């Protein structure tokens, strides 16, 4: 499992996601970054998480999790 953080109006929310369920990670645009959203994570079940981590940070976490299995 990897930990992802999504900004909220009252702080942040932490999500734990299986790397095998992540379909795509995309770097967020400038307007999203203004609100603390640095990447978009799409899962195979259709969920979209607007995350505080960069796409590279998430990629590294996925690679590390896969090495451990």
C-alpha atoms as a PDB file:
ATOM      1  CA  UNK A   1       0.000   0.000   0.000  1.00  0.00           C
ATOM      2  CA  UNK A   2       1.110   3.552  -0.627  1.00  0.00           C
ATOM      3  CA  UNK A   3      -0.030   6.665   1.196  1.00  0.00           C
ATOM      4  CA  UNK A   4      -1.582   9.545  -0.745  1.00  0.00           C
ATOM      5  CA  UNK A   5      -2.668  12.895   0.690  1.00  0.00           C
ATOM      6  CA  UNK A   6      -5.539  14.982  -0.637  1.00  0.00           C
ATOM      7  CA  UNK A   7      -6.001  18.605   0.470  1.00  0.00           C
ATOM      8  CA  UNK A   8      -9.365  19.549   1.995  1.00  0.00           C
ATOM      9  CA  UNK A   9     -10.827  22.807   3.209  1.00  0.00           C
ATOM     10  CA  UNK A  10      -9.982  21.826   6.786  1.00  0.00           C
ATOM     11  CA  UNK A  11      -6.500  20.373   6.199  1.00  0.00           C
ATOM     12  CA  UNK A  12      -5.908  17.091   4.436  1.00  0.00           C
ATOM     13  CA  UNK A  13      -7.126  13.510   4.142  1.00  0.00           C
ATOM     14  CA  UNK A  14      -4.852  10.470   3.923  1.00  0.00           C
ATOM     15  CA  UNK A  15      -5.655   7.568   1.590  1.00  0.00           C
ATOM     16  CA  UNK A  16      -3.951   4.179   1.410  1.00  0.00           C
ATOM     17  CA  UNK A  17      -4.041   2.760  -2.110  1.00  0.00           C
ATOM     18  CA  UNK A  18      -2.777  -0.483  -3.566  1.00  0.00           C
ATOM     19  CA  UNK A  19      -0.219   0.268  -6.303  1.00  0.00           C
ATOM     20  CA  UNK A  20      -1.837  -2.422  -8.484  1.00  0.00           C
ATOM     21  CA  UNK A  21      -5.082  -0.409  -8.522  1.00  0.00           C
ATOM     22  CA  UNK A  22      -3.512   2.780  -9.910  1.00  0.00           C
ATOM     23  CA  UNK A  23      -4.219   3.190 -13.604  1.00  0.00           C
ATOM     24  CA  UNK A  24      -2.619   6.583 -14.221  1.00  0.00           C
ATOM     25  CA  UNK A  25      -0.814   9.422 -12.461  1.00  0.00           C
ATOM     26  CA  UNK A  26      -0.848  12.863 -14.084  1.00  0.00           C
ATOM     27  CA  UNK A  27       0.882  16.078 -13.028  1.00  0.00           C
ATOM     28  CA  UNK A  28      -1.755  18.704 -12.157  1.00  0.00           C
ATOM     29  CA  UNK A  29      -1.988  22.042 -13.920  1.00  0.00           C
ATOM     30  CA  UNK A  30      -1.014  25.421 -12.505  1.00  0.00           C
ATOM     31  CA  UNK A  31      -4.531  26.343 -11.365  1.00  0.00           C
ATOM     32  CA  UNK A  32      -4.801  23.094  -9.378  1.00  0.00           C
ATOM     33  CA  UNK A  33      -1.369  23.627  -7.845  1.00  0.00           C
ATOM     34  CA  UNK A  34      -2.628  26.934  -6.437  1.00  0.00           C
ATOM     35  CA  UNK A  35      -5.048  24.858  -4.327  1.00  0.00           C
ATOM     36  CA  UNK A  36      -2.372  22.373  -3.211  1.00  0.00           C
ATOM     37  CA  UNK A  37      -3.177  19.707  -5.801  1.00  0.00           C
ATOM     38  CA  UNK A  38       0.053  18.571  -7.433  1.00  0.00           C
ATOM     39  CA  UNK A  39      -1.125  15.396  -9.218  1.00  0.00           C
ATOM     40  CA  UNK A  40      -4.199  13.448 -10.256  1.00  0.00           C
ATOM     41  CA  UNK A  41      -4.341   9.716  -9.557  1.00  0.00           C
ATOM     42  CA  UNK A  42      -6.876   7.630 -11.449  1.00  0.00           C
ATOM     43  CA  UNK A  43      -7.665   4.113 -10.276  1.00  0.00           C
ATOM     44  CA  UNK A  44      -8.956   1.169 -12.265  1.00  0.00           C
ATOM     45  CA  UNK A  45     -12.341   1.437 -10.515  1.00  0.00           C
ATOM     46  CA  UNK A  46     -12.764   4.998 -11.848  1.00  0.00           C
ATOM     47  CA  UNK A  47     -11.916   6.950  -8.686  1.00  0.00           C
ATOM     48  CA  UNK A  48      -9.881  10.144  -9.064  1.00  0.00           C
ATOM     49  CA  UNK A  49      -7.719  11.449  -6.209  1.00  0.00           C
ATOM     50  CA  UNK A  50      -6.393  15.022  -6.326  1.00  0.00           C
ATOM     51  CA  UNK A  51      -3.134  14.553  -4.425  1.00  0.00           C
ATOM     52  CA  UNK A  52      -0.622  16.785  -2.673  1.00  0.00           C
ATOM     53  CA  UNK A  53       2.305  14.623  -3.822  1.00  0.00           C
ATOM     54  CA  UNK A  54       3.923  15.178  -7.226  1.00  0.00           C
ATOM     55  CA  UNK A  55       3.533  12.579  -9.958  1.00  0.00           C
ATOM     56  CA  UNK A  56       7.234  11.717  -9.542  1.00  0.00           C
ATOM     57  CA  UNK A  57       6.837  11.154  -5.784  1.00  0.00           C
ATOM     58  CA  UNK A  58       3.910   8.820  -6.426  1.00  0.00           C
ATOM     59  CA  UNK A  59       5.810   6.998  -9.171  1.00  0.00           C
ATOM     60  CA  UNK A  60       8.724   6.471  -6.769  1.00  0.00           C
ATOM     61  CA  UNK A  61       6.363   5.175  -4.055  1.00  0.00           C
ATOM     62  CA  UNK A  62       4.781   2.731  -6.526  1.00  0.00           C
ATOM     63  CA  UNK A  63       8.206   1.484  -7.635  1.00  0.00           C
ATOM     64  CA  UNK A  64       9.326   1.038  -4.013  1.00  0.00           C
ATOM     65  CA  UNK A  65       6.137  -0.855  -3.100  1.00  0.00           C
ATOM     66  CA  UNK A  66       6.573  -3.189  -6.076  1.00  0.00           C
ATOM     67  CA  UNK A  67      10.178  -3.906  -5.036  1.00  0.00           C
ATOM     68  CA  UNK A  68       8.965  -4.995  -1.608  1.00  0.00           C
ATOM     69  CA  UNK A  69       6.561  -7.609  -2.986  1.00  0.00           C
END
